[in-house]
N, C-alpha and C. Protein backbone atom coordinates (compact mmCIF):
# COMPACT_ATOMS: atom_id res chain seq x y z
N UNK A 1 52.51 155.26 120.89
CA UNK A 1 52.94 153.92 121.20
C UNK A 1 53.53 153.94 122.60
N UNK A 2 53.26 152.91 123.31
CA UNK A 2 53.83 152.85 124.66
C UNK A 2 54.74 151.64 124.74
N UNK A 3 55.68 151.77 125.60
CA UNK A 3 56.63 150.68 125.75
C UNK A 3 56.86 150.47 127.24
N UNK A 4 56.85 149.25 127.61
CA UNK A 4 57.03 148.95 129.03
C UNK A 4 58.48 148.57 129.28
N UNK A 5 59.12 149.35 130.12
CA UNK A 5 60.49 149.06 130.51
C UNK A 5 60.40 148.47 131.92
N UNK A 6 61.00 147.38 132.16
CA UNK A 6 60.85 146.65 133.42
C UNK A 6 61.00 147.53 134.64
N UNK A 7 60.08 147.38 135.58
CA UNK A 7 60.18 148.06 136.87
C UNK A 7 61.06 147.25 137.79
N UNK A 8 61.71 147.93 138.64
CA UNK A 8 62.57 147.22 139.57
C UNK A 8 61.75 146.49 140.63
N UNK A 9 60.50 146.96 140.83
CA UNK A 9 59.68 146.32 141.83
C UNK A 9 59.15 144.98 141.34
N UNK A 10 58.88 144.88 140.03
CA UNK A 10 58.25 143.66 139.52
C UNK A 10 59.14 143.06 138.45
N UNK A 11 59.69 141.91 138.72
CA UNK A 11 60.55 141.24 137.74
C UNK A 11 59.82 140.08 137.05
N UNK A 12 58.51 139.93 137.22
CA UNK A 12 57.74 138.83 136.63
C UNK A 12 57.41 139.10 135.17
N UNK A 13 56.74 138.17 134.55
CA UNK A 13 56.39 138.33 133.14
C UNK A 13 55.36 139.45 132.94
N UNK A 14 55.41 140.07 131.75
CA UNK A 14 54.50 141.16 131.43
C UNK A 14 53.14 140.58 131.07
N UNK A 15 52.06 141.08 131.63
CA UNK A 15 50.74 140.52 131.39
C UNK A 15 49.92 141.38 130.43
N UNK A 16 50.45 142.41 129.86
CA UNK A 16 49.74 143.26 128.92
C UNK A 16 50.11 142.87 127.49
N UNK A 17 49.11 142.92 126.60
CA UNK A 17 49.33 142.58 125.19
C UNK A 17 49.42 143.87 124.40
N UNK A 18 50.42 143.96 123.57
CA UNK A 18 50.57 145.13 122.72
C UNK A 18 49.69 144.93 121.48
N UNK A 19 48.60 145.68 121.35
CA UNK A 19 47.65 145.51 120.25
C UNK A 19 47.97 146.37 119.03
N UNK A 20 48.95 147.20 119.10
CA UNK A 20 49.27 148.09 117.98
C UNK A 20 49.61 147.32 116.70
N UNK A 21 50.45 146.27 116.72
CA UNK A 21 50.70 145.54 115.47
C UNK A 21 49.44 144.87 114.92
N UNK A 22 48.57 144.38 115.78
CA UNK A 22 47.33 143.74 115.34
C UNK A 22 46.44 144.76 114.64
N UNK A 23 46.33 145.95 115.22
CA UNK A 23 45.52 147.00 114.60
C UNK A 23 46.11 147.42 113.26
N UNK A 24 47.40 147.49 113.15
CA UNK A 24 48.06 147.83 111.88
C UNK A 24 47.74 146.81 110.80
N UNK A 25 47.81 145.55 111.15
CA UNK A 25 47.53 144.47 110.20
C UNK A 25 46.07 144.53 109.77
N UNK A 26 45.15 144.75 110.71
CA UNK A 26 43.73 144.79 110.38
C UNK A 26 43.42 145.98 109.46
N UNK A 27 44.06 147.11 109.67
CA UNK A 27 43.85 148.26 108.80
C UNK A 27 44.37 148.00 107.38
N UNK A 28 45.49 147.34 107.26
CA UNK A 28 46.03 146.99 105.94
C UNK A 28 45.08 146.03 105.23
N UNK A 29 44.57 145.01 105.94
CA UNK A 29 43.63 144.07 105.33
C UNK A 29 42.34 144.77 104.92
N UNK A 30 41.85 145.69 105.73
CA UNK A 30 40.65 146.43 105.39
C UNK A 30 40.85 147.22 104.11
N UNK A 31 41.97 147.87 103.96
CA UNK A 31 42.26 148.64 102.75
C UNK A 31 42.35 147.72 101.54
N UNK A 32 42.98 146.57 101.69
CA UNK A 32 43.09 145.61 100.58
C UNK A 32 41.71 145.14 100.15
N UNK A 33 40.83 144.79 101.10
CA UNK A 33 39.49 144.33 100.75
C UNK A 33 38.66 145.45 100.12
N UNK A 34 38.81 146.68 100.59
CA UNK A 34 38.07 147.79 100.00
C UNK A 34 38.48 148.03 98.55
N UNK A 35 39.71 147.74 98.21
CA UNK A 35 40.19 147.93 96.84
C UNK A 35 39.77 146.77 95.95
N UNK A 36 39.85 145.54 96.44
CA UNK A 36 39.62 144.37 95.59
C UNK A 36 38.15 143.99 95.42
N UNK A 37 37.28 144.29 96.36
CA UNK A 37 35.88 143.88 96.26
C UNK A 37 35.18 144.47 95.04
N UNK A 38 35.31 145.75 94.72
CA UNK A 38 34.63 146.25 93.52
C UNK A 38 35.12 145.58 92.24
N UNK A 39 36.34 145.13 92.19
CA UNK A 39 36.86 144.45 91.00
C UNK A 39 36.21 143.08 90.86
N UNK A 40 35.99 142.39 91.96
CA UNK A 40 35.43 141.05 91.93
C UNK A 40 33.94 141.07 91.61
N UNK A 41 33.24 142.11 92.01
CA UNK A 41 31.79 142.15 91.88
C UNK A 41 31.34 142.61 90.49
N UNK A 42 32.21 143.01 89.62
CA UNK A 42 31.82 143.46 88.29
C UNK A 42 31.10 142.35 87.55
N UNK A 43 30.04 142.70 86.82
CA UNK A 43 29.28 141.71 86.07
C UNK A 43 28.78 142.33 84.77
N UNK A 44 28.31 141.47 83.89
CA UNK A 44 27.76 141.90 82.61
C UNK A 44 26.25 141.82 82.71
N UNK A 45 25.56 142.91 82.39
CA UNK A 45 24.10 142.92 82.45
C UNK A 45 23.54 142.18 81.24
N UNK A 46 22.72 141.18 81.51
CA UNK A 46 22.08 140.40 80.46
C UNK A 46 20.59 140.33 80.71
N UNK A 47 19.82 140.26 79.66
CA UNK A 47 18.40 139.99 79.78
C UNK A 47 18.18 138.63 79.15
N UNK A 48 17.92 137.65 80.00
CA UNK A 48 17.73 136.29 79.52
C UNK A 48 16.29 136.07 79.09
N UNK A 49 16.07 135.22 78.09
CA UNK A 49 14.69 134.97 77.65
C UNK A 49 13.91 134.24 78.73
N UNK A 50 12.63 134.60 78.83
CA UNK A 50 11.76 133.95 79.80
C UNK A 50 10.86 132.99 79.03
N UNK A 51 11.20 131.72 79.05
CA UNK A 51 10.47 130.71 78.31
C UNK A 51 10.11 129.60 79.28
N UNK A 52 8.82 129.26 79.34
CA UNK A 52 8.43 128.14 80.18
C UNK A 52 8.81 126.84 79.48
N UNK A 53 8.37 126.65 78.29
CA UNK A 53 8.85 125.60 77.41
C UNK A 53 8.21 125.79 76.05
N UNK A 54 8.89 125.28 75.07
CA UNK A 54 8.39 125.38 73.71
C UNK A 54 8.13 123.96 73.21
N UNK A 55 6.99 123.76 72.57
CA UNK A 55 6.73 122.42 72.05
C UNK A 55 7.73 122.06 70.95
N UNK A 56 8.11 120.81 70.92
CA UNK A 56 9.08 120.33 69.95
C UNK A 56 8.37 119.92 68.67
N UNK A 57 8.88 120.38 67.57
CA UNK A 57 8.35 119.96 66.27
C UNK A 57 9.15 118.73 65.85
N UNK A 58 8.49 117.61 65.87
CA UNK A 58 9.17 116.36 65.54
C UNK A 58 9.11 116.13 64.05
N UNK A 59 10.28 116.03 63.45
CA UNK A 59 10.37 115.75 62.02
C UNK A 59 10.93 114.33 61.89
N UNK A 60 10.58 113.64 60.85
CA UNK A 60 11.02 112.24 60.73
C UNK A 60 12.54 112.10 60.63
N UNK A 61 13.23 113.13 60.14
CA UNK A 61 14.69 113.00 60.00
C UNK A 61 15.44 113.27 61.31
N UNK A 62 14.76 113.80 62.32
CA UNK A 62 15.42 114.06 63.60
C UNK A 62 15.78 112.75 64.30
N UNK A 63 16.84 112.81 65.09
CA UNK A 63 17.31 111.64 65.83
C UNK A 63 16.84 111.76 67.28
N UNK A 64 16.21 110.71 67.76
CA UNK A 64 15.73 110.69 69.13
C UNK A 64 16.59 109.73 69.95
N UNK A 65 17.24 110.27 71.00
CA UNK A 65 18.09 109.45 71.87
C UNK A 65 17.51 109.45 73.27
N UNK A 66 17.64 108.33 73.93
CA UNK A 66 17.29 108.22 75.35
C UNK A 66 18.56 107.80 76.09
N UNK A 67 18.85 108.47 77.20
CA UNK A 67 20.08 108.20 77.95
C UNK A 67 19.72 107.85 79.38
N UNK A 68 20.25 106.71 79.83
CA UNK A 68 20.06 106.29 81.22
C UNK A 68 21.42 105.94 81.81
N UNK A 69 21.47 105.91 83.10
CA UNK A 69 22.71 105.54 83.78
C UNK A 69 22.39 104.80 85.06
N UNK A 70 22.77 103.55 85.11
CA UNK A 70 22.53 102.73 86.30
C UNK A 70 23.84 102.15 86.80
N UNK A 71 24.09 102.26 88.09
CA UNK A 71 25.29 101.68 88.72
C UNK A 71 26.57 102.15 88.04
N UNK A 72 26.59 103.40 87.61
CA UNK A 72 27.80 103.95 86.99
C UNK A 72 27.95 103.59 85.52
N UNK A 73 27.04 102.83 84.96
CA UNK A 73 27.09 102.44 83.55
C UNK A 73 26.12 103.30 82.75
N UNK A 74 26.61 103.88 81.67
CA UNK A 74 25.78 104.71 80.81
C UNK A 74 25.21 103.85 79.69
N UNK A 75 23.94 104.10 79.36
CA UNK A 75 23.31 103.37 78.26
C UNK A 75 22.57 104.38 77.39
N UNK A 76 22.87 104.35 76.09
CA UNK A 76 22.23 105.25 75.14
C UNK A 76 21.39 104.41 74.19
N UNK A 77 20.16 104.89 73.93
CA UNK A 77 19.25 104.21 73.02
C UNK A 77 18.97 105.11 71.83
N UNK A 78 19.19 104.58 70.62
CA UNK A 78 18.83 105.28 69.38
C UNK A 78 17.45 104.76 69.03
N UNK A 79 16.45 105.57 69.24
CA UNK A 79 15.08 105.08 69.12
C UNK A 79 14.82 104.11 70.26
N UNK A 80 14.70 102.84 69.94
CA UNK A 80 14.50 101.80 70.95
C UNK A 80 15.70 100.86 71.05
N UNK A 81 16.72 101.09 70.22
CA UNK A 81 17.87 100.18 70.13
C UNK A 81 19.03 100.69 70.97
N UNK A 82 19.55 99.86 71.91
CA UNK A 82 20.73 100.29 72.67
C UNK A 82 21.96 100.31 71.76
N UNK A 83 22.79 101.37 71.92
CA UNK A 83 24.00 101.51 71.10
C UNK A 83 25.18 101.85 72.00
N UNK A 84 26.38 101.49 71.53
CA UNK A 84 27.61 101.88 72.21
C UNK A 84 28.04 103.25 71.68
N UNK A 85 29.08 103.81 72.26
CA UNK A 85 29.56 105.12 71.81
C UNK A 85 30.03 105.07 70.36
N UNK A 86 30.73 104.01 69.97
CA UNK A 86 31.21 103.87 68.59
C UNK A 86 30.04 103.72 67.63
N UNK A 87 29.07 102.89 68.00
CA UNK A 87 27.89 102.72 67.14
C UNK A 87 27.11 104.03 67.02
N UNK A 88 27.04 104.79 68.11
CA UNK A 88 26.35 106.07 68.09
C UNK A 88 27.02 107.03 67.11
N UNK A 89 28.35 107.10 67.16
CA UNK A 89 29.09 107.96 66.25
C UNK A 89 28.90 107.51 64.81
N UNK A 90 29.04 106.21 64.56
CA UNK A 90 28.89 105.69 63.20
C UNK A 90 27.48 105.93 62.65
N UNK A 91 26.47 105.68 63.48
CA UNK A 91 25.09 105.90 63.03
C UNK A 91 24.83 107.39 62.77
N UNK A 92 25.40 108.26 63.61
CA UNK A 92 25.22 109.69 63.42
C UNK A 92 25.82 110.17 62.12
N UNK A 93 27.03 109.72 61.83
CA UNK A 93 27.69 110.11 60.57
C UNK A 93 26.90 109.58 59.38
N UNK A 94 26.44 108.33 59.46
CA UNK A 94 25.67 107.74 58.36
C UNK A 94 24.35 108.48 58.17
N UNK A 95 23.70 108.88 59.25
CA UNK A 95 22.43 109.60 59.16
C UNK A 95 22.62 110.94 58.46
N UNK A 96 23.67 111.69 58.83
CA UNK A 96 23.91 112.97 58.17
C UNK A 96 24.26 112.80 56.71
N UNK A 97 25.08 111.80 56.40
CA UNK A 97 25.43 111.56 54.99
C UNK A 97 24.20 111.24 54.17
N UNK A 98 23.31 110.40 54.70
CA UNK A 98 22.11 110.03 53.94
C UNK A 98 21.18 111.23 53.75
N UNK A 99 21.06 112.11 54.76
CA UNK A 99 20.22 113.30 54.62
C UNK A 99 20.79 114.27 53.59
N UNK A 100 22.12 114.41 53.56
CA UNK A 100 22.75 115.30 52.57
C UNK A 100 22.60 114.73 51.17
N UNK A 101 22.76 113.40 51.03
CA UNK A 101 22.57 112.77 49.71
C UNK A 101 21.12 112.89 49.26
N UNK A 102 20.18 112.76 50.21
CA UNK A 102 18.76 112.90 49.89
C UNK A 102 18.45 114.30 49.39
N UNK A 103 19.15 115.30 49.93
CA UNK A 103 18.92 116.70 49.53
C UNK A 103 19.55 117.00 48.18
N UNK A 104 20.45 116.16 47.70
CA UNK A 104 21.07 116.39 46.39
C UNK A 104 22.54 116.72 46.48
N UNK A 105 23.19 116.39 47.57
CA UNK A 105 24.63 116.62 47.71
C UNK A 105 24.93 117.87 48.52
N UNK A 106 26.23 118.16 48.60
CA UNK A 106 26.69 119.27 49.43
C UNK A 106 26.19 120.62 48.93
N UNK A 107 26.06 120.79 47.62
CA UNK A 107 25.59 122.07 47.08
C UNK A 107 24.16 122.34 47.52
N UNK A 108 23.32 121.34 47.47
CA UNK A 108 21.92 121.50 47.88
C UNK A 108 21.82 121.65 49.40
N UNK A 109 22.70 120.97 50.12
CA UNK A 109 22.66 121.03 51.58
C UNK A 109 23.08 122.40 52.10
N UNK A 110 23.89 123.13 51.35
CA UNK A 110 24.32 124.46 51.79
C UNK A 110 23.38 125.55 51.30
N UNK A 111 22.36 125.19 50.52
CA UNK A 111 21.40 126.17 50.01
C UNK A 111 20.48 126.64 51.13
N UNK A 112 19.97 127.87 51.01
CA UNK A 112 19.04 128.35 52.03
C UNK A 112 17.77 127.49 52.06
N UNK A 113 17.26 127.29 53.24
CA UNK A 113 16.03 126.50 53.38
C UNK A 113 16.29 125.06 53.78
N UNK A 114 17.49 124.57 53.53
CA UNK A 114 17.80 123.19 53.93
C UNK A 114 18.21 123.19 55.39
N UNK A 115 17.63 122.31 56.15
CA UNK A 115 17.97 122.18 57.57
C UNK A 115 18.48 120.78 57.84
N UNK A 116 19.61 120.73 58.53
CA UNK A 116 20.13 119.44 58.95
C UNK A 116 19.24 118.88 60.05
N UNK A 117 19.20 117.58 60.18
CA UNK A 117 18.39 117.01 61.27
C UNK A 117 18.95 117.40 62.63
N UNK A 118 18.08 117.36 63.63
CA UNK A 118 18.45 117.70 65.00
C UNK A 118 18.52 116.43 65.83
N UNK A 119 19.16 116.54 66.97
CA UNK A 119 19.21 115.45 67.94
C UNK A 119 18.38 115.86 69.14
N UNK A 120 17.44 115.02 69.53
CA UNK A 120 16.62 115.27 70.72
C UNK A 120 16.98 114.21 71.76
N UNK A 121 17.44 114.68 72.91
CA UNK A 121 17.89 113.77 73.97
C UNK A 121 16.90 113.78 75.12
N UNK A 122 16.49 112.59 75.49
CA UNK A 122 15.69 112.41 76.69
C UNK A 122 16.60 111.78 77.73
N UNK A 123 16.84 112.50 78.81
CA UNK A 123 17.72 111.99 79.86
C UNK A 123 16.93 111.68 81.11
N UNK A 124 17.16 110.51 81.67
CA UNK A 124 16.50 110.13 82.92
C UNK A 124 16.97 111.08 84.02
N UNK A 125 16.08 111.40 84.94
CA UNK A 125 16.39 112.34 86.01
C UNK A 125 17.56 111.88 86.87
N UNK A 126 17.77 110.61 87.02
CA UNK A 126 18.83 110.08 87.87
C UNK A 126 20.10 109.75 87.11
N UNK A 127 20.16 110.12 85.84
CA UNK A 127 21.33 109.84 85.02
C UNK A 127 22.45 110.81 85.35
N UNK A 128 23.67 110.31 85.57
CA UNK A 128 24.80 111.23 85.79
C UNK A 128 25.04 112.11 84.55
N UNK A 129 25.49 113.33 84.79
CA UNK A 129 25.70 114.26 83.68
C UNK A 129 26.72 113.75 82.68
N UNK A 130 27.70 112.98 83.16
CA UNK A 130 28.74 112.50 82.23
C UNK A 130 28.13 111.61 81.14
N UNK A 131 27.04 110.91 81.45
CA UNK A 131 26.39 110.07 80.44
C UNK A 131 25.73 110.93 79.37
N UNK A 132 24.99 111.94 79.80
CA UNK A 132 24.31 112.83 78.85
C UNK A 132 25.34 113.67 78.10
N UNK A 133 26.36 114.15 78.81
CA UNK A 133 27.42 114.93 78.16
C UNK A 133 28.16 114.11 77.11
N UNK A 134 28.37 112.83 77.39
CA UNK A 134 29.02 111.96 76.41
C UNK A 134 28.20 111.80 75.15
N UNK A 135 26.88 111.66 75.31
CA UNK A 135 26.00 111.54 74.14
C UNK A 135 26.01 112.84 73.33
N UNK A 136 25.99 113.98 74.01
CA UNK A 136 26.03 115.27 73.31
C UNK A 136 27.34 115.39 72.53
N UNK A 137 28.45 115.10 73.19
CA UNK A 137 29.77 115.21 72.55
C UNK A 137 29.87 114.29 71.33
N UNK A 138 29.39 113.07 71.47
CA UNK A 138 29.46 112.11 70.36
C UNK A 138 28.65 112.59 69.17
N UNK A 139 27.45 113.11 69.42
CA UNK A 139 26.61 113.57 68.31
C UNK A 139 27.19 114.84 67.67
N UNK A 140 27.83 115.69 68.46
CA UNK A 140 28.49 116.85 67.87
C UNK A 140 29.69 116.42 67.04
N UNK A 141 30.40 115.39 67.49
CA UNK A 141 31.53 114.87 66.70
C UNK A 141 31.03 114.26 65.39
N UNK A 142 29.82 113.72 65.39
CA UNK A 142 29.25 113.16 64.17
C UNK A 142 28.86 114.26 63.19
N UNK A 143 28.70 115.51 63.67
CA UNK A 143 28.39 116.61 62.77
C UNK A 143 27.06 117.28 63.01
N UNK A 144 26.31 116.85 64.01
CA UNK A 144 25.02 117.47 64.31
C UNK A 144 25.26 118.82 64.98
N UNK A 145 24.63 119.86 64.42
CA UNK A 145 24.81 121.21 64.97
C UNK A 145 23.79 121.52 66.05
N UNK A 146 22.60 120.96 65.95
CA UNK A 146 21.54 121.26 66.92
C UNK A 146 21.28 120.03 67.78
N UNK A 147 21.51 120.20 69.07
CA UNK A 147 21.24 119.15 70.05
C UNK A 147 20.34 119.76 71.10
N UNK A 148 19.18 119.16 71.34
CA UNK A 148 18.24 119.69 72.31
C UNK A 148 17.81 118.64 73.30
N UNK A 149 17.16 119.09 74.36
CA UNK A 149 16.69 118.19 75.40
C UNK A 149 15.18 118.16 75.40
N UNK A 150 14.64 116.99 75.61
CA UNK A 150 13.20 116.81 75.75
C UNK A 150 12.92 116.67 77.24
N UNK A 151 12.01 117.50 77.74
CA UNK A 151 11.68 117.44 79.16
C UNK A 151 10.18 117.35 79.33
N UNK A 152 9.78 117.03 80.52
CA UNK A 152 8.37 116.95 80.83
C UNK A 152 7.99 118.18 81.64
N UNK A 153 7.11 119.01 81.10
CA UNK A 153 6.76 120.23 81.84
C UNK A 153 5.94 119.90 83.09
N UNK A 154 5.97 120.82 84.04
CA UNK A 154 5.16 120.64 85.24
C UNK A 154 3.69 120.75 84.88
N UNK A 155 2.86 120.06 85.63
CA UNK A 155 1.42 120.09 85.38
C UNK A 155 0.89 121.51 85.52
N UNK A 156 0.06 121.93 84.56
CA UNK A 156 -0.55 123.25 84.62
C UNK A 156 0.29 124.36 84.04
N UNK A 157 1.49 124.07 83.53
CA UNK A 157 2.29 125.14 82.96
C UNK A 157 1.79 125.45 81.56
N UNK A 158 1.91 126.70 81.18
CA UNK A 158 1.41 127.15 79.90
C UNK A 158 2.46 126.98 78.81
N UNK A 159 1.99 126.79 77.60
CA UNK A 159 2.88 126.71 76.45
C UNK A 159 2.87 128.08 75.80
N UNK A 160 3.74 128.96 76.27
CA UNK A 160 3.77 130.31 75.73
C UNK A 160 5.11 130.95 75.96
N UNK A 161 5.46 131.84 75.09
CA UNK A 161 6.67 132.62 75.25
C UNK A 161 6.27 133.90 75.97
N UNK A 162 6.93 134.17 77.08
CA UNK A 162 6.55 135.35 77.87
C UNK A 162 7.17 136.61 77.32
């Protein structure tokens, strides 16, 4: 380390910058980054399924919803009928109750082989996510365990599991 003690010949301001504190700080930051980067980069190795798309098996008991959103307003259609959030919840609960009663009650509904109806949602490409998320949440609150999306595959894509 060097230190400049004023010369008697020159009483003006010192024009040299002492870089030693800057180098010390940079070395400390370098050591901190070398320690923390491996912790941040840790990840879990996963093998995700490679599926282009699977055709939907439409059963009469499944619920088909269409969701659109224009000018900040969300609109949900049960089949072709527009419904509010409350009506959607009420219809969902009624649909599940009727399917369970049709199966013979709760004992028959919990038997192997019985499947609850699913919800299939068609969302317009320009619909805000909050509209689609609201429909998903409402149908899950009604008791539907399976909620899926209906999409339009790109032209020429194959229907196969890779």
